[in-house]
Protein backbone atom coordinates (compact mmCIF):
# COMPACT_ATOMS: atom_id res chain seq x y z
CA MET A 1 23.36 11.62 -21.65
CA TYR A 2 21.68 8.05 -19.86
CA ASP A 3 22.72 4.95 -20.71
CA GLN A 4 19.96 2.47 -21.46
CA SER A 5 22.19 -0.64 -22.34
CA PHE A 6 22.94 -3.72 -20.50
CA SER A 7 26.08 -3.61 -20.14
CA PRO A 8 27.89 -5.01 -17.29
CA ALA A 9 29.39 -1.31 -16.60
CA THR A 10 25.56 -0.65 -16.02
CA LEU A 11 23.61 -3.45 -14.40
CA GLY A 12 26.95 -3.67 -12.26
CA ARG A 13 25.52 -0.23 -10.62
CA LEU A 14 22.05 -2.36 -9.69
CA LEU A 15 23.52 -4.33 -7.43
CA ARG A 16 22.15 -3.75 -3.47
CA LYS A 17 23.69 -4.24 -0.49
CA SER A 18 21.58 -6.32 0.63
CA ASP A 19 22.12 -8.74 -2.32
CA PHE A 20 25.04 -9.74 0.01
CA HIS A 21 22.88 -10.53 2.45
CA ASP A 22 20.91 -13.23 -0.22
CA PHE A 23 23.79 -14.09 -1.75
CA PRO A 24 26.92 -14.06 0.54
CA THR A 25 28.94 -15.51 -2.61
CA ILE A 26 29.43 -12.33 -4.42
CA TYR A 27 31.46 -10.99 -1.60
CA ASP A 28 34.21 -12.62 -3.62
CA ASP A 29 34.51 -10.46 -6.16
CA ALA A 30 35.13 -12.68 -8.94
CA VAL A 31 31.81 -14.72 -8.71
CA LYS A 32 30.33 -11.05 -8.73
CA ILE A 33 32.30 -10.67 -12.02
CA ALA A 34 30.85 -13.55 -13.17
CA ARG A 35 26.67 -13.14 -12.18
CA ILE A 36 26.90 -9.66 -13.63
CA GLN A 37 28.39 -11.01 -16.82
CA ALA A 38 26.45 -13.59 -16.17
CA ALA A 39 23.37 -10.51 -16.22
CA SER A 40 24.56 -8.88 -19.57
CA ASP A 41 24.53 -12.22 -21.71
CA LEU A 42 20.89 -13.15 -20.63
CA ALA A 43 20.16 -9.83 -21.31
CA HIS A 44 21.25 -10.31 -25.11
CA ALA A 45 20.09 -13.29 -24.87
CA ASP A 46 16.49 -12.78 -24.46
CA PHE A 47 17.15 -14.65 -21.41
CA SER A 48 18.49 -17.76 -23.38
CA GLY A 49 15.42 -18.94 -24.04
CA VAL A 50 15.36 -20.37 -20.03
CA ASN A 51 11.84 -18.48 -17.97
CA PRO A 52 13.67 -15.98 -16.06
CA LEU A 53 10.15 -15.95 -12.96
CA THR A 54 9.63 -17.53 -10.59
CA PHE A 55 6.06 -17.07 -8.73
CA PHE A 56 3.83 -18.32 -4.99
CA VAL A 57 0.39 -18.33 -4.90
CA LYS A 58 -0.74 -16.04 -1.53
CA ALA A 59 -4.32 -14.96 -1.78
CA ASN A 60 -5.34 -17.14 -4.67
CA LYS A 61 -2.58 -14.40 -6.79
CA ARG A 62 0.71 -15.40 -8.37
CA ILE A 63 3.37 -12.90 -6.32
CA HIS A 64 6.03 -13.45 -9.11
CA HIS A 65 10.11 -12.92 -9.06
CA ALA A 66 13.36 -13.35 -10.25
CA THR A 67 14.64 -16.58 -10.85
CA SER A 68 18.02 -15.53 -10.32
CA LEU A 69 20.77 -12.50 -8.90
CA SER A 70 21.44 -12.45 -12.95
CA ALA A 71 17.69 -12.07 -13.97
CA GLU A 72 17.15 -9.99 -10.80
CA LEU A 73 19.85 -7.17 -12.21
CA VAL A 74 18.52 -7.53 -15.63
CA LEU A 75 14.48 -6.79 -14.49
CA ARG A 76 16.18 -3.60 -12.28
CA LYS A 77 17.01 -2.70 -15.56
CA ILE A 78 14.56 -3.07 -18.14
CA THR A 79 12.88 -1.33 -14.76
CA LEU A 80 14.98 1.76 -14.43
CA ASN A 81 14.77 2.50 -18.08
CA LEU A 82 11.32 2.18 -18.44
CA ARG A 83 11.30 4.91 -15.43
CA ARG A 84 14.14 6.87 -17.39
CA VAL A 85 11.97 7.77 -20.24
CA THR A 86 8.44 7.89 -18.81
CA SER A 87 8.68 9.86 -15.75
CA VAL A 88 6.56 7.44 -14.16
CA ARG A 89 6.13 7.78 -10.43
CA HIS A 90 4.20 6.14 -8.04
CA PRO A 91 1.65 8.02 -5.86
CA ASP A 92 2.55 8.67 -2.46
CA ARG A 93 -0.43 7.51 0.58
CA GLN A 94 -0.06 10.43 3.00
CA MET A 95 -0.62 13.22 0.74
CA ILE A 96 -3.38 11.65 -0.94
CA VAL A 97 -4.95 11.45 2.47
CA SER A 98 -4.13 14.88 3.24
CA SER A 99 -4.91 16.52 0.15
CA LEU A 100 -8.08 14.75 0.14
CA ARG A 101 -8.90 15.85 4.09
CA HIS A 102 -8.15 19.35 3.11
CA LEU A 103 -10.23 19.28 0.28
CA LEU A 104 -14.16 18.11 1.80
CA THR A 105 -14.05 20.94 4.67
CA GLU A 106 -15.09 22.67 1.76
CA GLY A 107 -18.86 24.37 2.24
CA THR A 108 -19.80 23.80 -0.63
CA PRO A 109 -21.88 20.86 -2.65
CA PHE A 110 -19.72 17.35 -3.62
CA ARG A 111 -20.43 14.08 -4.12
CA ILE A 112 -17.28 11.46 -3.55
CA TYR A 113 -17.03 8.00 -5.43
CA ARG A 114 -14.75 5.62 -3.78
CA LEU A 115 -13.82 2.69 -6.64
CA ASP A 116 -12.13 0.19 -6.68
CA ILE A 117 -11.05 -2.21 -9.59
CA LYS A 118 -11.57 -5.51 -10.01
CA SER A 119 -8.33 -7.25 -10.00
CA PHE A 120 -6.07 -4.90 -11.38
CA TYR A 121 -2.36 -6.26 -12.64
CA GLU A 122 -4.67 -9.68 -13.57
CA SER A 123 -7.46 -8.06 -15.71
CA PHE A 124 -4.89 -5.90 -18.28
CA VAL A 125 -4.80 -7.40 -21.64
CA THR A 126 -0.99 -8.19 -22.37
CA ASN A 127 -1.16 -7.79 -26.19
CA ASP A 128 -2.25 -4.07 -25.07
CA VAL A 129 0.73 -3.55 -22.72
CA ILE A 130 2.91 -4.62 -25.38
CA ALA A 131 2.19 -2.12 -27.59
CA THR A 132 2.40 0.60 -25.16
CA ILE A 133 5.42 -0.65 -24.55
CA ASN A 134 6.96 -0.44 -28.28
CA GLU A 135 5.22 2.90 -28.89
CA ILE A 136 7.52 5.09 -26.52
CA ASN A 137 9.52 5.66 -28.90
CA SER A 138 12.55 6.71 -26.68
CA LEU A 139 13.09 3.51 -25.14
CA SER A 140 15.90 1.00 -26.14
CA PRO A 141 14.73 -1.70 -28.85
CA GLN A 142 17.08 -3.90 -26.19
CA THR A 143 14.27 -3.19 -23.40
CA LYS A 144 11.44 -3.60 -25.56
CA SER A 145 12.58 -7.23 -26.43
CA LEU A 146 13.29 -8.34 -23.56
CA ILE A 147 10.42 -6.80 -21.98
CA ALA A 148 7.91 -8.67 -24.57
CA LYS A 149 10.13 -11.70 -23.61
CA ILE A 150 9.03 -11.59 -19.71
CA PHE A 151 5.29 -11.47 -20.85
CA GLU A 152 5.78 -14.51 -23.12
CA PHE A 153 7.38 -15.96 -20.35
CA PHE A 154 4.76 -15.29 -17.79
CA THR A 155 1.72 -16.09 -20.49
CA ALA A 156 3.07 -19.41 -21.58
CA THR A 157 3.28 -20.46 -17.82
CA GLY A 158 -0.87 -19.73 -17.23
CA GLY A 159 -0.29 -15.24 -16.23
CA GLN A 160 -2.85 -12.82 -17.67
CA GLY A 161 -1.99 -9.26 -17.86
CA ILE A 162 0.80 -8.25 -16.07
CA PRO A 163 2.69 -10.18 -13.43
CA ARG A 164 2.22 -9.18 -10.23
CA GLY A 165 5.25 -8.99 -7.19
CA LEU A 166 7.12 -6.84 -10.10
CA SER A 167 9.10 -3.90 -9.53
CA VAL A 168 8.67 -3.75 -13.01
CA SER A 169 4.98 -4.31 -13.44
CA ALA A 170 4.71 -1.05 -11.19
CA VAL A 171 5.53 0.88 -13.65
CA VAL A 172 3.85 -1.12 -16.45
CA SER A 173 0.25 -0.49 -14.94
CA GLU A 174 0.93 2.90 -13.95
CA LEU A 175 1.82 3.49 -17.20
CA MET A 176 -1.41 2.01 -18.71
CA MET A 177 -3.37 3.82 -16.44
CA THR A 178 -1.66 7.29 -17.97
CA THR A 179 -4.62 8.43 -20.09
CA PHE A 180 -7.43 7.41 -17.44
CA ASP A 181 -5.88 9.84 -15.10
CA GLU A 182 -5.91 12.14 -17.20
CA LYS A 183 -9.07 12.04 -19.06
CA ILE A 184 -11.82 11.48 -15.25
CA LYS A 185 -9.46 13.99 -13.93
CA ASN A 186 -10.07 16.94 -16.58
CA SER A 187 -13.32 15.28 -16.27
CA THR A 188 -16.08 18.40 -15.79
CA GLY A 189 -16.78 19.11 -12.27
CA VAL A 190 -14.01 16.82 -10.67
CA PHE A 191 -12.71 18.52 -8.05
CA PHE A 192 -10.05 15.91 -7.18
CA TYR A 193 -8.91 12.73 -8.56
CA ALA A 194 -6.91 10.08 -6.59
CA ARG A 195 -5.84 6.29 -7.76
CA TYR A 196 -3.20 4.14 -5.65
CA VAL A 197 -2.98 1.31 -7.23
CA ASP A 198 -6.34 -0.04 -8.12
CA ASP A 199 -8.34 1.69 -5.23
CA ILE A 200 -9.89 5.17 -6.74
CA VAL A 201 -11.52 8.11 -5.68
CA VAL A 202 -13.39 10.87 -7.64
CA VAL A 203 -14.73 14.21 -6.04
CA THR A 204 -17.21 15.64 -7.89
CA HIS A 205 -19.55 19.25 -7.83
CA ALA A 206 -22.75 16.50 -7.33
CA LEU A 207 -24.72 18.33 -10.38
CA GLU A 208 -23.97 15.31 -12.91
CA ASN A 209 -25.64 12.87 -13.22
CA LYS A 210 -24.32 9.41 -11.29
CA THR A 211 -24.97 6.46 -13.27
CA SER A 212 -23.55 8.58 -16.54
CA PHE A 213 -20.69 9.85 -15.01
CA LEU A 214 -19.52 6.10 -13.54
CA ARG A 215 -20.47 5.30 -17.38
CA THR A 216 -18.44 7.73 -18.13
CA ILE A 217 -15.71 6.62 -15.99
CA VAL A 218 -15.78 2.67 -16.63
CA LYS A 219 -15.99 3.77 -20.35
CA SER A 220 -12.60 5.01 -19.83
CA LEU A 221 -10.59 2.42 -18.15
CA PRO A 222 -8.23 0.76 -20.40
CA HIS A 223 -9.60 -2.79 -22.50
CA GLY A 224 -9.93 -5.92 -19.87
CA LEU A 225 -10.37 -3.51 -16.47
CA ALA A 226 -13.82 -3.37 -14.60
CA LEU A 227 -14.55 -1.91 -11.55
CA ASN A 228 -15.34 -4.11 -7.91
CA GLU A 229 -19.32 -3.25 -7.47
CA THR A 230 -19.56 -4.94 -4.07
CA LYS A 231 -16.68 -2.17 -2.93
CA GLN A 232 -18.58 0.77 -4.60
CA LYS A 233 -19.50 3.84 -2.97
CA ILE A 234 -20.95 6.64 -3.19
CA ARG A 235 -21.89 9.39 -1.36
CA SER A 236 -22.76 12.61 -1.30
CA ALA A 237 -23.44 16.25 0.71
CA SER A 238 -25.98 17.57 -1.38
CA GLU A 239 -26.55 20.89 0.47
CA ARG A 240 -24.58 24.23 0.99
CA VAL A 241 -22.43 23.88 5.02
CA THR A 242 -25.17 23.83 7.72
CA PRO A 243 -24.10 24.33 10.86
CA ALA A 244 -26.27 22.62 13.79
CA VAL A 245 -26.69 22.73 17.56
CA ILE A 246 -25.29 19.68 17.51
CA SER A 247 -22.75 18.04 14.95
CA SER A 248 -24.45 15.58 13.12
CA THR A 249 -22.46 13.31 10.64
CA VAL A 250 -23.26 13.86 6.62
CA PHE A 251 -21.42 10.87 5.66
CA SER A 252 -18.44 8.36 5.95
CA PHE A 253 -16.22 6.33 3.73
CA SER A 254 -12.69 4.60 3.96
CA TYR A 255 -9.70 4.54 2.10
CA LEU A 256 -6.77 3.73 1.70
CA GLY A 257 -6.14 2.54 5.72
CA TYR A 258 -8.22 5.52 6.81
CA GLU A 259 -12.35 6.41 7.58
CA PHE A 260 -13.19 9.39 6.74
CA TYR A 261 -16.32 11.12 9.18
CA VAL A 262 -17.58 14.45 7.44
CA LYS A 263 -19.55 16.59 9.95
CA GLU A 264 -21.76 19.14 9.23
CA PRO A 265 -20.14 22.47 12.02
CA LEU A 266 -21.39 23.33 15.16
CA LYS A 267 -23.68 27.00 14.97
CA ASN A 268 -21.05 30.35 15.49
CA LYS A 269 -23.05 33.33 15.87
CA THR A 270 -19.72 35.17 15.13
CA ILE A 271 -19.33 33.40 11.65
CA PRO A 272 -21.99 33.48 8.65
CA PRO A 273 -22.78 30.04 7.80
CA LYS A 274 -21.63 30.23 4.42
CA ARG A 275 -18.15 30.96 5.42
CA GLN A 276 -17.77 27.55 7.60
CA PHE A 277 -15.83 24.72 6.64
CA ARG A 278 -17.06 21.37 7.76
CA GLU A 279 -15.74 18.89 10.15
CA ILE A 280 -13.24 15.98 8.86
CA ASN A 281 -12.94 13.07 11.10
CA VAL A 282 -10.07 10.67 10.43
CA ASP A 283 -9.54 8.07 12.47
CA ILE A 284 -8.30 4.41 10.70
CA SER A 285 -10.79 2.40 8.97
CA ARG A 286 -12.04 -0.83 9.69
CA ASN A 287 -10.47 -3.48 7.80
CA LYS A 288 -7.35 -2.04 9.85
CA LEU A 289 -8.60 -2.56 13.09
CA THR A 290 -9.63 -5.56 12.33
CA ARG A 291 -6.19 -7.08 10.94
CA TYR A 292 -4.83 -5.22 14.06
CA LYS A 293 -6.91 -7.64 16.35
CA THR A 294 -6.08 -10.04 14.44
CA LYS A 295 -2.40 -9.65 15.10
CA ILE A 296 -2.98 -9.73 18.76
CA CYS A 297 -4.55 -12.42 18.61
CA ARG A 298 -1.89 -14.39 16.85
CA ALA A 299 0.19 -12.89 19.83
CA PHE A 300 -1.39 -14.29 22.46
CA LEU A 301 -2.09 -17.50 20.60
CA ASP A 302 1.47 -18.18 20.09
CA PHE A 303 2.26 -17.23 23.46
CA ALA A 304 -0.12 -19.63 24.36
CA ARG A 305 1.61 -21.99 23.02
CA THR A 306 5.12 -21.23 23.75
CA GLY A 307 5.13 -19.59 27.09
CA ASN A 308 7.26 -16.99 26.04
CA TYR A 309 6.29 -14.15 27.52
CA GLN A 310 9.78 -12.03 26.38
CA LEU A 311 8.00 -12.33 23.24
CA LEU A 312 4.50 -11.73 23.82
CA SER A 313 5.56 -8.29 24.74
CA ASP A 314 7.83 -7.59 22.31
CA ARG A 315 5.16 -8.05 19.64
CA ILE A 316 2.86 -5.37 21.25
CA GLN A 317 5.36 -3.08 21.87
CA PHE A 318 5.34 -3.63 18.63
CA LEU A 319 2.02 -2.81 17.89
CA THR A 320 1.55 -0.16 20.25
CA SER A 321 4.49 2.64 19.38
CA ASN A 322 6.74 3.56 16.68
CA PHE A 323 9.67 2.65 15.35
CA SER A 324 12.77 3.05 12.20
CA LEU A 325 13.99 1.20 9.94
CA ARG A 326 16.69 1.27 7.86
CA ASP A 327 16.60 0.89 4.25
CA ILE A 328 19.86 -1.53 3.60
CA ASN A 329 19.82 -0.50 0.39
CA THR A 330 20.58 3.56 0.58
CA GLY A 331 21.27 3.70 4.69
CA ARG A 332 18.37 5.80 4.84
CA ARG A 333 15.84 5.11 7.96
CA LYS A 334 12.04 4.78 7.30
CA LEU A 335 9.68 5.70 10.56
CA ALA A 336 6.83 3.56 11.08
CA GLY A 337 4.13 2.48 13.23
CA ILE A 338 1.00 3.50 14.99
CA PHE A 339 1.27 6.88 13.82
CA TYR A 340 4.46 7.11 11.01
CA ASN A 341 1.18 4.97 9.09
CA TYR A 342 -1.67 6.75 10.19
CA PRO A 343 -0.82 10.77 10.93
CA TYR A 344 -3.50 11.95 10.10
CA VAL A 345 -5.78 9.93 12.71
CA SER A 346 -7.82 12.76 14.74
CA TYR A 347 -7.35 10.62 17.85
CA ASN A 348 -9.42 13.50 19.78
CA THR A 349 -12.76 12.42 17.56
CA GLY A 350 -12.13 8.89 15.96
CA ASN A 351 -12.83 5.77 18.38
CA GLY A 352 -10.78 3.41 16.61
CA LEU A 353 -7.53 3.54 19.11
CA GLU A 354 -9.70 3.15 21.91
CA GLN A 355 -11.64 0.33 20.50
CA LEU A 356 -7.91 -0.92 19.66
CA ASP A 357 -6.80 -0.46 23.38
CA LYS A 358 -10.17 -2.15 24.74
CA PHE A 359 -9.71 -4.98 22.87
CA LEU A 360 -5.64 -5.81 24.27
CA ARG A 361 -6.85 -4.69 27.94
CA ASP A 362 -9.84 -8.11 27.68
CA ALA A 363 -7.32 -10.13 26.08
CA ILE A 364 -4.72 -9.47 28.77
CA ARG A 365 -7.20 -10.23 31.57
CA GLY A 366 -8.56 -12.92 29.67
CA GLY A 367 -11.95 -11.73 28.60
CA HIS A 368 -12.33 -12.68 25.01
CA GLY A 369 -13.36 -16.27 25.22
CA ARG A 370 -11.72 -19.65 25.19
CA LEU A 371 -7.89 -18.06 23.52
CA PHE A 372 -7.26 -15.44 25.81
CA SER A 373 -8.40 -17.14 28.44
CA GLN A 374 -5.52 -19.45 28.08
CA SER A 375 -3.22 -17.05 27.56
CA SER A 376 -3.98 -15.18 30.92
CA ALA A 377 -4.07 -18.49 33.16
CA ILE A 378 -0.25 -18.10 32.11
CA LEU A 379 0.50 -14.22 32.70
CA THR A 380 1.40 -13.56 36.04
CA LYS A 381 0.09 -10.68 37.65
CA PRO A 382 3.04 -8.34 37.56
CA GLN A 383 3.06 -9.36 33.07
CA LYS A 384 -0.35 -8.21 33.01
CA ARG A 385 0.45 -4.65 34.92
CA GLU A 386 3.39 -4.78 32.57
CA LEU A 387 1.51 -5.10 29.58
CA LEU A 388 -1.53 -2.95 30.27
CA THR A 389 0.90 -0.48 30.16
CA LEU A 390 1.23 -0.94 26.85
CA SER A 391 -1.91 1.76 24.59
CA PHE A 392 -1.84 2.31 21.23
CA LYS A 393 -3.32 5.98 21.54
CA ARG A 394 -0.81 6.82 23.56
CA GLY A 395 1.68 5.43 21.21
CA HIS A 396 0.02 7.46 18.89
CA GLU A 397 -0.48 10.44 20.62
CA ASN A 398 2.93 10.76 22.05
CA ARG A 399 5.33 9.09 19.35
CA THR A 400 6.60 6.54 21.57
CA PHE A 401 9.62 5.47 20.09
CA ARG A 402 11.15 1.99 20.61
CA HIS A 403 14.32 0.11 19.37
CA PHE A 404 14.11 -3.76 17.15
CA HIS A 405 17.42 -4.82 16.03
CA PRO A 406 16.16 -5.77 12.40
CA LYS A 407 16.60 -9.75 12.86
CA HIS A 408 14.30 -9.19 16.16
CA ILE A 409 11.29 -7.63 13.62
CA ASN A 410 11.49 -10.50 11.79
CA VAL A 411 10.94 -12.90 14.36
CA MET A 412 8.75 -10.99 16.21
CA GLN A 413 7.20 -10.90 12.46
CA GLU A 414 6.57 -14.87 12.21
CA CYS A 415 3.81 -15.32 13.87
CA TRP A 416 1.80 -13.14 11.17
CA ALA A 417 3.73 -14.50 7.81
CA HIS A 418 0.12 -15.73 6.94
CA GLU A 419 -2.42 -13.10 7.86
């Protein structure tokens, strides 16, 4: 049976390899045991009246984290207890994209609602959150008490809703959205529903009244939450698939970093029109393309300031290729980069990768105004030739792989830290 207690034994098992990097004094067994015992003492004393959280502000949002390793161990145990008794799981981004892409090829009429929840974490009503936690019969009283204390400290410092940045907050927010998710997913006429934190997409049979359906969604949201109307998009393919002599785009929309283009197929005399499927082209979203371009700009700006060509070259290789990152805690390797971040991009039909390549070429040749004219003047001809061999499109198509030391990745990312 799973042990929900906050004993030194259960808390000690939550130490991670990264903790030894962040808190090197725990290499000393005596110090490690003392920290674990301190965590157990904190839990049994409801944090001893001391706020276990601190925060910094990013993009006008408060991002919270624990004040000490002992407090962090307690937060991890709270999170683990909640996960075990609720079976809450975070949705898989790539799985959602894959399922959505396949669904959109259907030749039947459908309507897409692309919705966003405004100030997601900050908008929950804290008292409702505590009430929901207290209704979980299988959750230990001690865990409930500690969660209540965390929220008490959080609100005392001016926090609203659920503290953003904590792993326990992700579990709590998913728990708070469970009823909403099930209601919309099971609504009449809904073919597909997915939510990734605050980003929602719903696909319906297009027979519903749009205003009424949106009203149902708004009313079904947990108290305090509201849709961000400025990011709301509704698109329809109101007729069955209609093959054309020239492929035409029915509509497009962005979701989870991708841009989806829904197109009518070309006429094919060998296939009855009603048996044809729509074509779905997937590209990198406009917002993500802008972020890549910003990273390129910052890399060249830093080069113009420092003259460090090797660092510039490494940064452009990093952006245009793929690499593996080892999770210091699990030892597992995670693949990332231009292909693994966007595996569903249709590079034969999309032009996002080509846009990035053109932007990069212009940057190297000094074709983007004062910033790039300065860096281009510093680059030698051999250096320009070397940089011009790098390509987002080839990195994606060929799954070009590069090896970077984790410490060097941190150095490369310094110029993007405040992006």
